[in-house]
Amino acid sequence: MAETDTDPTTALAPRELVSEIERTRANLAQTIDEIADRVSPGNIARRAEDRVKERISQVDPLIGSAVALAAVGVTCYLIWRRIRK
């Protein structure tokens, strides 16, 4: 059960109590907004897209160049084969 404090020296004044309730309410509203933002499907998709872009940008440029060179090589080979026929 909830414990009540009956000591008048530690009891909050009504204005302090109202102020504390308002702070708690504001904190709760902020927490609810943050939770809603985290579970929003659009925001989840945006964050996933950002993670993918970040991982792609972290690919070593040397590896990216090698992949591009391999693609050009394969394309040239296919064109050469078609011309030879």
PDB file of N, CA and C in Angstrom:
ATOM      1  N   MET A   1       0.836  -1.177   0.000  1.00  0.00           N
ATOM      2  CA  MET A   1       0.000   0.000   0.000  1.00  0.00           C
ATOM      3  C   MET A   1       0.872   1.228   0.000  1.00  0.00           C
ATOM      4  N   ALA A   2       0.288   2.326  -0.376  1.00  0.00           N
ATOM      5  CA  ALA A   2       1.026   3.579  -0.415  1.00  0.00           C
ATOM      6  C   ALA A   2       1.272   4.065   0.992  1.00  0.00           C
ATOM      7  N   GLU A   3       2.469   4.553   1.182  1.00  0.00           N
ATOM      8  CA  GLU A   3       2.824   5.054   2.494  1.00  0.00           C
ATOM      9  C   GLU A   3       2.529   6.549   2.533  1.00  0.00           C
ATOM     10  N   THR A   4       1.869   7.016   3.557  1.00  0.00           N
ATOM     11  CA  THR A   4       1.556   8.434   3.674  1.00  0.00           C
ATOM     12  C   THR A   4       2.426   9.051   4.739  1.00  0.00           C
ATOM     13  N   ASP A   5       2.834  10.257   4.491  1.00  0.00           N
ATOM     14  CA  ASP A   5       3.694  10.970   5.429  1.00  0.00           C
ATOM     15  C   ASP A   5       2.828  11.988   6.159  1.00  0.00           C
ATOM     16  N   THR A   6       2.656  11.814   7.448  1.00  0.00           N
ATOM     17  CA  THR A   6       1.788  12.703   8.215  1.00  0.00           C
ATOM     18  C   THR A   6       2.562  13.756   8.980  1.00  0.00           C
ATOM     19  N   ASP A   7       3.885  13.777   8.835  1.00  0.00           N
ATOM     20  CA  ASP A   7       4.705  14.761   9.533  1.00  0.00           C
ATOM     21  C   ASP A   7       4.506  16.127   8.866  1.00  0.00           C
ATOM     22  N   PRO A   8       3.959  17.121   9.577  1.00  0.00           N
ATOM     23  CA  PRO A   8       3.670  18.420   8.958  1.00  0.00           C
ATOM     24  C   PRO A   8       4.935  19.174   8.555  1.00  0.00           C
ATOM     25  N   THR A   9       6.089  18.855   9.112  1.00  0.00           N
ATOM     26  CA  THR A   9       7.313  19.569   8.751  1.00  0.00           C
ATOM     27  C   THR A   9       7.835  19.150   7.383  1.00  0.00           C
ATOM     28  N   THR A  10       7.498  17.938   6.947  1.00  0.00           N
ATOM     29  CA  THR A  10       7.957  17.474   5.640  1.00  0.00           C
ATOM     30  C   THR A  10       6.858  17.551   4.590  1.00  0.00           C
ATOM     31  N   ALA A  11       5.673  17.918   4.975  1.00  0.00           N
ATOM     32  CA  ALA A  11       4.577  18.015   4.019  1.00  0.00           C
ATOM     33  C   ALA A  11       4.810  19.211   3.102  1.00  0.00           C
ATOM     34  N   LEU A  12       4.465  19.050   1.832  1.00  0.00           N
ATOM     35  CA  LEU A  12       4.638  20.116   0.861  1.00  0.00           C
ATOM     36  C   LEU A  12       3.504  21.124   0.986  1.00  0.00           C
ATOM     37  N   ALA A  13       3.846  22.365   0.744  1.00  0.00           N
ATOM     38  CA  ALA A  13       2.830  23.409   0.714  1.00  0.00           C
ATOM     39  C   ALA A  13       1.972  23.184  -0.529  1.00  0.00           C
ATOM     40  N   PRO A  14       0.736  23.646  -0.520  1.00  0.00           N
ATOM     41  CA  PRO A  14      -0.142  23.424  -1.677  1.00  0.00           C
ATOM     42  C   PRO A  14       0.455  23.925  -2.991  1.00  0.00           C
ATOM     43  N   ARG A  15       1.100  25.073  -2.988  1.00  0.00           N
ATOM     44  CA  ARG A  15       1.702  25.591  -4.223  1.00  0.00           C
ATOM     45  C   ARG A  15       2.847  24.694  -4.692  1.00  0.00           C
ATOM     46  N   GLU A  16       3.645  24.222  -3.751  1.00  0.00           N
ATOM     47  CA  GLU A  16       4.738  23.315  -4.107  1.00  0.00           C
ATOM     48  C   GLU A  16       4.191  22.009  -4.663  1.00  0.00           C
ATOM     49  N   LEU A  17       3.115  21.545  -4.067  1.00  0.00           N
ATOM     50  CA  LEU A  17       2.485  20.308  -4.522  1.00  0.00           C
ATOM     51  C   LEU A  17       1.952  20.478  -5.942  1.00  0.00           C
ATOM     52  N   VAL A  18       1.289  21.592  -6.205  1.00  0.00           N
ATOM     53  CA  VAL A  18       0.760  21.854  -7.546  1.00  0.00           C
ATOM     54  C   VAL A  18       1.914  21.963  -8.541  1.00  0.00           C
ATOM     55  N   SER A  19       2.984  22.624  -8.122  1.00  0.00           N
ATOM     56  CA  SER A  19       4.148  22.768  -8.991  1.00  0.00           C
ATOM     57  C   SER A  19       4.769  21.407  -9.306  1.00  0.00           C
ATOM     58  N   GLU A  20       4.873  20.558  -8.303  1.00  0.00           N
ATOM     59  CA  GLU A  20       5.428  19.218  -8.516  1.00  0.00           C
ATOM     60  C   GLU A  20       4.541  18.395  -9.431  1.00  0.00           C
ATOM     61  N   ILE A  21       3.246  18.500  -9.268  1.00  0.00           N
ATOM     62  CA  ILE A  21       2.305  17.776 -10.137  1.00  0.00           C
ATOM     63  C   ILE A  21       2.448  18.249 -11.580  1.00  0.00           C
ATOM     64  N   GLU A  22       2.594  19.558 -11.784  1.00  0.00           N
ATOM     65  CA  GLU A  22       2.745  20.087 -13.138  1.00  0.00           C
ATOM     66  C   GLU A  22       4.049  19.608 -13.774  1.00  0.00           C
ATOM     67  N   ARG A  23       5.135  19.570 -12.982  1.00  0.00           N
ATOM     68  CA  ARG A  23       6.412  19.062 -13.510  1.00  0.00           C
ATOM     69  C   ARG A  23       6.285  17.586 -13.880  1.00  0.00           C
ATOM     70  N   THR A  24       5.640  16.827 -13.014  1.00  0.00           N
ATOM     71  CA  THR A  24       5.454  15.401 -13.284  1.00  0.00           C
ATOM     72  C   THR A  24       4.603  15.190 -14.527  1.00  0.00           C
ATOM     73  N   ARG A  25       3.570  15.978 -14.671  1.00  0.00           N
ATOM     74  CA  ARG A  25       2.688  15.888 -15.845  1.00  0.00           C
ATOM     75  C   ARG A  25       3.464  16.222 -17.118  1.00  0.00           C
ATOM     76  N   ALA A  26       4.294  17.260 -17.073  1.00  0.00           N
ATOM     77  CA  ALA A  26       5.090  17.640 -18.244  1.00  0.00           C
ATOM     78  C   ALA A  26       6.084  16.535 -18.595  1.00  0.00           C
ATOM     79  N   ASN A  27       6.726  15.952 -17.585  1.00  0.00           N
ATOM     80  CA  ASN A  27       7.662  14.851 -17.830  1.00  0.00           C
ATOM     81  C   ASN A  27       6.956  13.644 -18.427  1.00  0.00           C
ATOM     82  N   LEU A  28       5.786  13.341 -17.915  1.00  0.00           N
ATOM     83  CA  LEU A  28       5.010  12.214 -18.431  1.00  0.00           C
ATOM     84  C   LEU A  28       4.603  12.463 -19.884  1.00  0.00           C
ATOM     85  N   ALA A  29       4.174  13.675 -20.190  1.00  0.00           N
ATOM     86  CA  ALA A  29       3.789  14.000 -21.566  1.00  0.00           C
ATOM     87  C   ALA A  29       4.978  13.857 -22.510  1.00  0.00           C
ATOM     88  N   GLN A  30       6.139  14.301 -22.063  1.00  0.00           N
ATOM     89  CA  GLN A  30       7.345  14.183 -22.884  1.00  0.00           C
ATOM     90  C   GLN A  30       7.705  12.711 -23.100  1.00  0.00           C
ATOM     91  N   THR A  31       7.589  11.916 -22.073  1.00  0.00           N
ATOM     92  CA  THR A  31       7.894  10.486 -22.180  1.00  0.00           C
ATOM     93  C   THR A  31       6.938   9.798 -23.152  1.00  0.00           C
ATOM     94  N   ILE A  32       5.673  10.133 -23.069  1.00  0.00           N
ATOM     95  CA  ILE A  32       4.677   9.547 -23.978  1.00  0.00           C
ATOM     96  C   ILE A  32       4.971   9.951 -25.416  1.00  0.00           C
ATOM     97  N   ASP A  33       5.346  11.218 -25.638  1.00  0.00           N
ATOM     98  CA  ASP A  33       5.693  11.671 -26.986  1.00  0.00           C
ATOM     99  C   ASP A  33       6.904  10.918 -27.523  1.00  0.00           C
ATOM    100  N   GLU A  34       7.908  10.682 -26.679  1.00  0.00           N
ATOM    101  CA  GLU A  34       9.093   9.953 -27.109  1.00  0.00           C
ATOM    102  C   GLU A  34       8.749   8.508 -27.461  1.00  0.00           C
ATOM    103  N   ILE A  35       7.892   7.881 -26.674  1.00  0.00           N
ATOM    104  CA  ILE A  35       7.477   6.504 -26.960  1.00  0.00           C
ATOM    105  C   ILE A  35       6.703   6.454 -28.272  1.00  0.00           C
ATOM    106  N   ALA A  36       5.795   7.395 -28.469  1.00  0.00           N
ATOM    107  CA  ALA A  36       5.017   7.447 -29.712  1.00  0.00           C
ATOM    108  C   ALA A  36       5.938   7.635 -30.911  1.00  0.00           C
ATOM    109  N   ASP A  37       6.982   8.441 -30.753  1.00  0.00           N
ATOM    110  CA  ASP A  37       7.929   8.672 -31.837  1.00  0.00           C
ATOM    111  C   ASP A  37       8.701   7.400 -32.152  1.00  0.00           C
ATOM    112  N   ARG A  38       9.062   6.636 -31.123  1.00  0.00           N
ATOM    113  CA  ARG A  38       9.834   5.404 -31.330  1.00  0.00           C
ATOM    114  C   ARG A  38       9.036   4.328 -32.039  1.00  0.00           C
ATOM    115  N   VAL A  39       7.744   4.247 -31.794  1.00  0.00           N
ATOM    116  CA  VAL A  39       6.954   3.153 -32.360  1.00  0.00           C
ATOM    117  C   VAL A  39       6.206   3.543 -33.625  1.00  0.00           C
ATOM    118  N   SER A  40       6.375   4.775 -34.090  1.00  0.00           N
ATOM    119  CA  SER A  40       5.723   5.219 -35.316  1.00  0.00           C
ATOM    120  C   SER A  40       6.318   4.463 -36.512  1.00  0.00           C
ATOM    121  N   PRO A  41       5.482   3.814 -37.335  1.00  0.00           N
ATOM    122  CA  PRO A  41       6.004   3.040 -38.466  1.00  0.00           C
ATOM    123  C   PRO A  41       6.857   3.882 -39.419  1.00  0.00           C
ATOM    124  N   GLY A  42       6.444   5.094 -39.667  1.00  0.00           N
ATOM    125  CA  GLY A  42       7.222   5.959 -40.558  1.00  0.00           C
ATOM    126  C   GLY A  42       8.596   6.263 -39.997  1.00  0.00           C
ATOM    127  N   ASN A  43       8.658   6.502 -38.704  1.00  0.00           N
ATOM    128  CA  ASN A  43       9.939   6.792 -38.072  1.00  0.00           C
ATOM    129  C   ASN A  43      10.829   5.550 -38.006  1.00  0.00           C
ATOM    130  N   ILE A  44      10.216   4.397 -37.792  1.00  0.00           N
ATOM    131  CA  ILE A  44      10.989   3.147 -37.783  1.00  0.00           C
ATOM    132  C   ILE A  44      11.611   2.927 -39.157  1.00  0.00           C
ATOM    133  N   ALA A  45      10.833   3.134 -40.210  1.00  0.00           N
ATOM    134  CA  ALA A  45      11.346   2.959 -41.573  1.00  0.00           C
ATOM    135  C   ALA A  45      12.448   3.973 -41.864  1.00  0.00           C
ATOM    136  N   ARG A  46      12.280   5.211 -41.429  1.00  0.00           N
ATOM    137  CA  ARG A  46      13.285   6.251 -41.661  1.00  0.00           C
ATOM    138  C   ARG A  46      14.588   5.902 -40.953  1.00  0.00           C
ATOM    139  N   ARG A  47      14.481   5.421 -39.707  1.00  0.00           N
ATOM    140  CA  ARG A  47      15.691   5.053 -38.966  1.00  0.00           C
ATOM    141  C   ARG A  47      16.401   3.865 -39.627  1.00  0.00           C
ATOM    142  N   ALA A  48      15.628   2.900 -40.125  1.00  0.00           N
ATOM    143  CA  ALA A  48      16.234   1.750 -40.810  1.00  0.00           C
ATOM    144  C   ALA A  48      16.940   2.213 -42.081  1.00  0.00           C
ATOM    145  N   GLU A  49      16.315   3.115 -42.804  1.00  0.00           N
ATOM    146  CA  GLU A  49      16.924   3.662 -44.015  1.00  0.00           C
ATOM    147  C   GLU A  49      18.214   4.412 -43.682  1.00  0.00           C
ATOM    148  N   ASP A  50      18.191   5.185 -42.616  1.00  0.00           N
ATOM    149  CA  ASP A  50      19.395   5.911 -42.186  1.00  0.00           C
ATOM    150  C   ASP A  50      20.527   4.960 -41.830  1.00  0.00           C
ATOM    151  N   ARG A  51      20.188   3.848 -41.144  1.00  0.00           N
ATOM    152  CA  ARG A  51      21.224   2.863 -40.788  1.00  0.00           C
ATOM    153  C   ARG A  51      21.835   2.231 -42.036  1.00  0.00           C
ATOM    154  N   VAL A  52      20.993   1.914 -43.025  1.00  0.00           N
ATOM    155  CA  VAL A  52      21.495   1.308 -44.261  1.00  0.00           C
ATOM    156  C   VAL A  52      22.407   2.298 -44.982  1.00  0.00           C
ATOM    157  N   LYS A  53      21.980   3.548 -45.080  1.00  0.00           N
ATOM    158  CA  LYS A  53      22.810   4.564 -45.740  1.00  0.00           C
ATOM    159  C   LYS A  53      24.138   4.735 -45.020  1.00  0.00           C
ATOM    160  N   GLU A  54      24.099   4.704 -43.697  1.00  0.00           N
ATOM    161  CA  GLU A  54      25.331   4.847 -42.923  1.00  0.00           C
ATOM    162  C   GLU A  54      26.278   3.677 -43.186  1.00  0.00           C
ATOM    163  N   ARG A  55      25.731   2.472 -43.228  1.00  0.00           N
ATOM    164  CA  ARG A  55      26.579   1.298 -43.480  1.00  0.00           C
ATOM    165  C   ARG A  55      27.162   1.339 -44.882  1.00  0.00           C
ATOM    166  N   ILE A  56      26.357   1.776 -45.838  1.00  0.00           N
ATOM    167  CA  ILE A  56      26.853   1.867 -47.217  1.00  0.00           C
ATOM    168  C   ILE A  56      27.955   2.910 -47.309  1.00  0.00           C
ATOM    169  N   SER A  57      27.791   4.015 -46.599  1.00  0.00           N
ATOM    170  CA  SER A  57      28.808   5.061 -46.660  1.00  0.00           C
ATOM    171  C   SER A  57      30.098   4.639 -45.974  1.00  0.00           C
ATOM    172  N   GLN A  58      30.041   3.634 -45.128  1.00  0.00           N
ATOM    173  CA  GLN A  58      31.224   3.164 -44.423  1.00  0.00           C
ATOM    174  C   GLN A  58      32.005   2.118 -45.220  1.00  0.00           C
ATOM    175  N   VAL A  59      31.484   1.730 -46.385  1.00  0.00           N
ATOM    176  CA  VAL A  59      32.181   0.755 -47.212  1.00  0.00           C
ATOM    177  C   VAL A  59      33.490   1.394 -47.678  1.00  0.00           C
ATOM    178  N   ASP A  60      34.537   0.641 -47.589  1.00  0.00           N
ATOM    179  CA  ASP A  60      35.856   1.124 -47.997  1.00  0.00           C
ATOM    180  C   ASP A  60      35.808   1.535 -49.480  1.00  0.00           C
ATOM    181  N   PRO A  61      36.282   2.737 -49.799  1.00  0.00           N
ATOM    182  CA  PRO A  61      36.256   3.180 -51.210  1.00  0.00           C
ATOM    183  C   PRO A  61      37.000   2.233 -52.140  1.00  0.00           C
ATOM    184  N   LEU A  62      38.025   1.565 -51.632  1.00  0.00           N
ATOM    185  CA  LEU A  62      38.772   0.622 -52.455  1.00  0.00           C
ATOM    186  C   LEU A  62      37.887  -0.556 -52.863  1.00  0.00           C
ATOM    187  N   ILE A  63      37.060  -1.035 -51.943  1.00  0.00           N
ATOM    188  CA  ILE A  63      36.142  -2.136 -52.246  1.00  0.00           C
ATOM    189  C   ILE A  63      35.087  -1.666 -53.244  1.00  0.00           C
ATOM    190  N   GLY A  64      34.566  -0.455 -53.038  1.00  0.00           N
ATOM    191  CA  GLY A  64      33.580   0.092 -53.975  1.00  0.00           C
ATOM    192  C   GLY A  64      34.155   0.233 -55.366  1.00  0.00           C
ATOM    193  N   SER A  65      35.406   0.673 -55.447  1.00  0.00           N
ATOM    194  CA  SER A  65      36.064   0.816 -56.754  1.00  0.00           C
ATOM    195  C   SER A  65      36.260  -0.545 -57.401  1.00  0.00           C
ATOM    196  N   ALA A  66      36.612  -1.531 -56.618  1.00  0.00           N
ATOM    197  CA  ALA A  66      36.813  -2.875 -57.160  1.00  0.00           C
ATOM    198  C   ALA A  66      35.502  -3.437 -57.706  1.00  0.00           C
ATOM    199  N   VAL A  67      34.421  -3.217 -57.005  1.00  0.00           N
ATOM    200  CA  VAL A  67      33.112  -3.694 -57.477  1.00  0.00           C
ATOM    201  C   VAL A  67      32.735  -2.994 -58.770  1.00  0.00           C
ATOM    202  N   ALA A  68      32.950  -1.673 -58.825  1.00  0.00           N
ATOM    203  CA  ALA A  68      32.636  -0.924 -60.045  1.00  0.00           C
ATOM    204  C   ALA A  68      33.492  -1.408 -61.211  1.00  0.00           C
ATOM    205  N   LEU A  69      34.770  -1.652 -60.962  1.00  0.00           N
ATOM    206  CA  LEU A  69      35.664  -2.135 -62.009  1.00  0.00           C
ATOM    207  C   LEU A  69      35.233  -3.516 -62.494  1.00  0.00           C
ATOM    208  N   ALA A  70      34.824  -4.374 -61.578  1.00  0.00           N
ATOM    209  CA  ALA A  70      34.349  -5.706 -61.959  1.00  0.00           C
ATOM    210  C   ALA A  70      33.090  -5.598 -62.812  1.00  0.00           C
ATOM    211  N   ALA A  71      32.189  -4.693 -62.463  1.00  0.00           N
ATOM    212  CA  ALA A  71      30.962  -4.517 -63.251  1.00  0.00           C
ATOM    213  C   ALA A  71      31.290  -4.027 -64.651  1.00  0.00           C
ATOM    214  N   VAL A  72      32.228  -3.096 -64.762  1.00  0.00           N
ATOM    215  CA  VAL A  72      32.631  -2.600 -66.081  1.00  0.00           C
ATOM    216  C   VAL A  72      33.291  -3.723 -66.881  1.00  0.00           C
ATOM    217  N   GLY A  73      34.114  -4.516 -66.227  1.00  0.00           N
ATOM    218  CA  GLY A  73      34.776  -5.625 -66.908  1.00  0.00           C
ATOM    219  C   GLY A  73      33.790  -6.639 -67.451  1.00  0.00           C
ATOM    220  N   VAL A  74      32.816  -7.000 -66.648  1.00  0.00           N
ATOM    221  CA  VAL A  74      31.795  -7.959 -67.085  1.00  0.00           C
ATOM    222  C   VAL A  74      30.999  -7.384 -68.251  1.00  0.00           C
ATOM    223  N   THR A  75      30.646  -6.114 -68.153  1.00  0.00           N
ATOM    224  CA  THR A  75      29.891  -5.467 -69.239  1.00  0.00           C
ATOM    225  C   THR A  75      30.707  -5.470 -70.529  1.00  0.00           C
ATOM    226  N   CYS A  76      31.978  -5.121 -70.433  1.00  0.00           N
ATOM    227  CA  CYS A  76      32.841  -5.123 -71.628  1.00  0.00           C
ATOM    228  C   CYS A  76      32.950  -6.528 -72.221  1.00  0.00           C
ATOM    229  N   TYR A  77      33.098  -7.529 -71.390  1.00  0.00           N
ATOM    230  CA  TYR A  77      33.190  -8.911 -71.861  1.00  0.00           C
ATOM    231  C   TYR A  77      31.908  -9.320 -72.588  1.00  0.00           C
ATOM    232  N   LEU A  78      30.749  -8.965 -72.024  1.00  0.00           N
ATOM    233  CA  LEU A  78      29.484  -9.329 -72.661  1.00  0.00           C
ATOM    234  C   LEU A  78      29.324  -8.622 -74.004  1.00  0.00           C
ATOM    235  N   ILE A  79      29.723  -7.381 -74.084  1.00  0.00           N
ATOM    236  CA  ILE A  79      29.652  -6.640 -75.358  1.00  0.00           C
ATOM    237  C   ILE A  79      30.606  -7.268 -76.364  1.00  0.00           C
ATOM    238  N   TRP A  80      31.821  -7.601 -75.962  1.00  0.00           N
ATOM    239  CA  TRP A  80      32.813  -8.212 -76.852  1.00  0.00           C
ATOM    240  C   TRP A  80      32.312  -9.540 -77.391  1.00  0.00           C
ATOM    241  N   ARG A  81      31.678 -10.351 -76.481  1.00  0.00           N
ATOM    242  CA  ARG A  81      31.128 -11.630 -76.914  1.00  0.00           C
ATOM    243  C   ARG A  81      30.014 -11.458 -77.945  1.00  0.00           C
ATOM    244  N   ARG A  82      29.177 -10.462 -77.753  1.00  0.00           N
ATOM    245  CA  ARG A  82      28.065 -10.230 -78.669  1.00  0.00           C
ATOM    246  C   ARG A  82      28.592  -9.753 -80.022  1.00  0.00           C
ATOM    247  N   ILE A  83      29.608  -8.939 -80.005  1.00  0.00           N
ATOM    248  CA  ILE A  83      30.183  -8.438 -81.275  1.00  0.00           C
ATOM    249  C   ILE A  83      30.868  -9.570 -82.027  1.00  0.00           C
ATOM    250  N   ARG A  84      31.512 -10.475 -81.333  1.00  0.00           N
ATOM    251  CA  ARG A  84      32.237 -11.579 -81.939  1.00  0.00           C
ATOM    252  C   ARG A  84      31.328 -12.555 -82.657  1.00  0.00           C
ATOM    253  N   LYS A  85      30.091 -12.666 -82.233  1.00  0.00           N
ATOM    254  CA  LYS A  85      29.165 -13.646 -82.847  1.00  0.00           C
ATOM    255  C   LYS A  85      28.790 -13.257 -84.205  1.00  0.00           C
TER     256      LYS A  85
END
